[in-house]
Amino acid sequence: MKTADVVILGSGSLANGIVYALSQVFTGSLQIAIIGRSTVKVSRMALIANARAASFSARPFFFPFGIPQFTALAFSRAFRSLKPKVIVLGASLQSRGRVSRRRPLGQS
């Protein structure tokens, strides 16, 4: 199992922005794991980020780490195996299909 200096949680637009910004500005050598529920999305993010890093002569290495169920046990295992120095939360843990809309108080 790989270790990571930085873990980025999420596969949505905020996490994408963070990953792609790091891929073009950071010149040091870092191992960066991208954790998300969709292995396909985080794999694609890592592939694009590594290609961008190469084109900017940056040296971070991004790799995907899929967690299908966001549970305390799954995160515990991931963090123990990756041993990150920094964890960046770029996920809201909501998807369009899971957002519930509540009526304001006083409205029926």
Protein backbone atom coordinates (compact mmCIF):
# COMPACT_ATOMS: atom_id res chain seq x y z
CA MET A 1 0.00 0.00 0.00
CA LYS A 2 1.24 3.47 -0.89
CA THR A 3 1.60 6.24 1.62
CA ALA A 4 0.58 9.82 0.90
CA ASP A 5 1.87 13.18 2.05
CA VAL A 6 -1.50 14.75 1.26
CA VAL A 7 -5.00 13.26 1.06
CA ILE A 8 -7.72 15.12 -0.80
CA LEU A 9 -11.26 13.97 0.02
CA GLY A 10 -13.83 14.33 -2.73
CA SER A 11 -14.40 13.93 -6.43
CA GLY A 12 -16.66 16.91 -7.16
CA SER A 13 -15.92 20.37 -8.48
CA LEU A 14 -14.21 21.67 -5.32
CA ALA A 15 -11.86 18.67 -5.11
CA ASN A 16 -11.20 18.94 -8.86
CA GLY A 17 -10.19 22.57 -8.47
CA ILE A 18 -7.84 21.76 -5.59
CA VAL A 19 -6.24 18.83 -7.40
CA TYR A 20 -5.78 20.65 -10.69
CA ALA A 21 -4.37 23.75 -8.98
CA LEU A 22 -1.82 21.65 -7.09
CA SER A 23 -0.89 19.85 -10.30
CA GLN A 24 0.29 23.02 -11.99
CA VAL A 25 1.80 25.10 -9.20
CA PHE A 26 3.54 22.77 -6.81
CA THR A 27 7.17 22.06 -7.69
CA GLY A 28 8.13 19.85 -4.75
CA SER A 29 7.90 16.09 -4.65
CA LEU A 30 4.61 14.99 -3.05
CA GLN A 31 2.51 11.84 -3.04
CA ILE A 32 -1.13 12.96 -3.18
CA ALA A 33 -4.02 10.52 -2.72
CA ILE A 34 -7.47 11.44 -3.99
CA ILE A 35 -10.21 9.71 -2.00
CA GLY A 36 -13.75 9.49 -3.31
CA ARG A 37 -16.76 7.21 -3.49
CA SER A 38 -16.34 6.79 -7.23
CA THR A 39 -13.12 5.01 -8.13
CA VAL A 40 -13.72 5.97 -11.77
CA LYS A 41 -13.91 9.70 -10.95
CA VAL A 42 -10.84 9.77 -8.69
CA SER A 43 -8.87 7.68 -11.21
CA ARG A 44 -9.73 10.16 -13.95
CA MET A 45 -8.79 13.09 -11.69
CA ALA A 46 -5.43 11.50 -10.88
CA LEU A 47 -4.70 10.76 -14.55
CA ILE A 48 -5.48 14.33 -15.62
CA ALA A 49 -3.59 15.85 -12.66
CA ASN A 50 -0.47 13.79 -13.41
CA ALA A 51 -0.62 14.81 -17.09
CA ARG A 52 -1.02 18.47 -16.11
CA ALA A 53 1.86 18.20 -13.62
CA ALA A 54 4.11 16.79 -16.34
CA SER A 55 3.20 19.58 -18.75
CA PHE A 56 4.05 22.21 -16.10
CA SER A 57 7.25 20.41 -15.01
CA ALA A 58 5.74 20.02 -11.55
CA ARG A 59 6.62 16.98 -9.45
CA PRO A 60 3.60 15.92 -7.40
CA PHE A 61 2.27 12.41 -8.04
CA PHE A 62 -1.48 11.87 -7.72
CA PHE A 63 -3.08 8.49 -7.20
CA PRO A 64 -6.69 7.36 -6.72
CA PHE A 65 -8.03 5.73 -3.56
CA GLY A 66 -11.67 4.73 -3.88
CA ILE A 67 -13.90 4.23 -0.85
CA PRO A 68 -17.35 3.08 -2.01
CA GLN A 69 -18.98 3.68 1.39
CA PHE A 70 -18.01 6.77 3.36
CA THR A 71 -17.99 5.21 6.83
CA ALA A 72 -15.84 5.83 9.89
CA LEU A 73 -14.26 2.39 9.53
CA ALA A 74 -13.41 2.95 5.85
CA PHE A 75 -11.77 6.30 6.61
CA SER A 76 -9.92 4.86 9.58
CA ARG A 77 -8.44 2.13 7.41
CA ALA A 78 -7.56 4.56 4.63
CA PHE A 79 -5.84 7.05 6.93
CA ARG A 80 -3.93 4.33 8.80
CA SER A 81 -2.62 2.88 5.54
CA LEU A 82 -1.88 6.19 3.79
CA LYS A 83 -0.40 7.96 6.84
CA PRO A 84 -1.03 11.48 5.46
CA LYS A 85 0.57 14.61 6.87
CA VAL A 86 -2.24 16.82 5.51
CA ILE A 87 -5.92 16.05 4.89
CA VAL A 88 -7.91 18.42 2.65
CA LEU A 89 -11.70 18.20 2.75
CA GLY A 90 -13.06 18.92 -0.70
CA ALA A 91 -16.28 16.92 -0.35
CA SER A 92 -19.67 17.84 1.00
CA LEU A 93 -20.81 14.21 1.32
CA GLN A 94 -23.92 15.13 -0.60
CA SER A 95 -24.84 14.23 -4.09
CA ARG A 96 -27.71 15.59 -6.14
CA GLY A 97 -29.66 12.41 -5.57
CA ARG A 98 -29.25 12.59 -1.81
CA VAL A 99 -30.02 16.21 -1.07
CA SER A 100 -33.29 16.51 0.77
CA ARG A 101 -35.29 19.69 0.67
CA ARG A 102 -37.09 20.66 3.82
CA ARG A 103 -39.84 23.18 3.99
CA PRO A 104 -39.13 26.26 6.07
CA LEU A 105 -40.71 26.31 9.51
CA GLY A 106 -44.29 27.46 9.49
CA GLN A 107 -44.98 26.24 5.95
CA SER A 108 -46.98 23.12 5.28
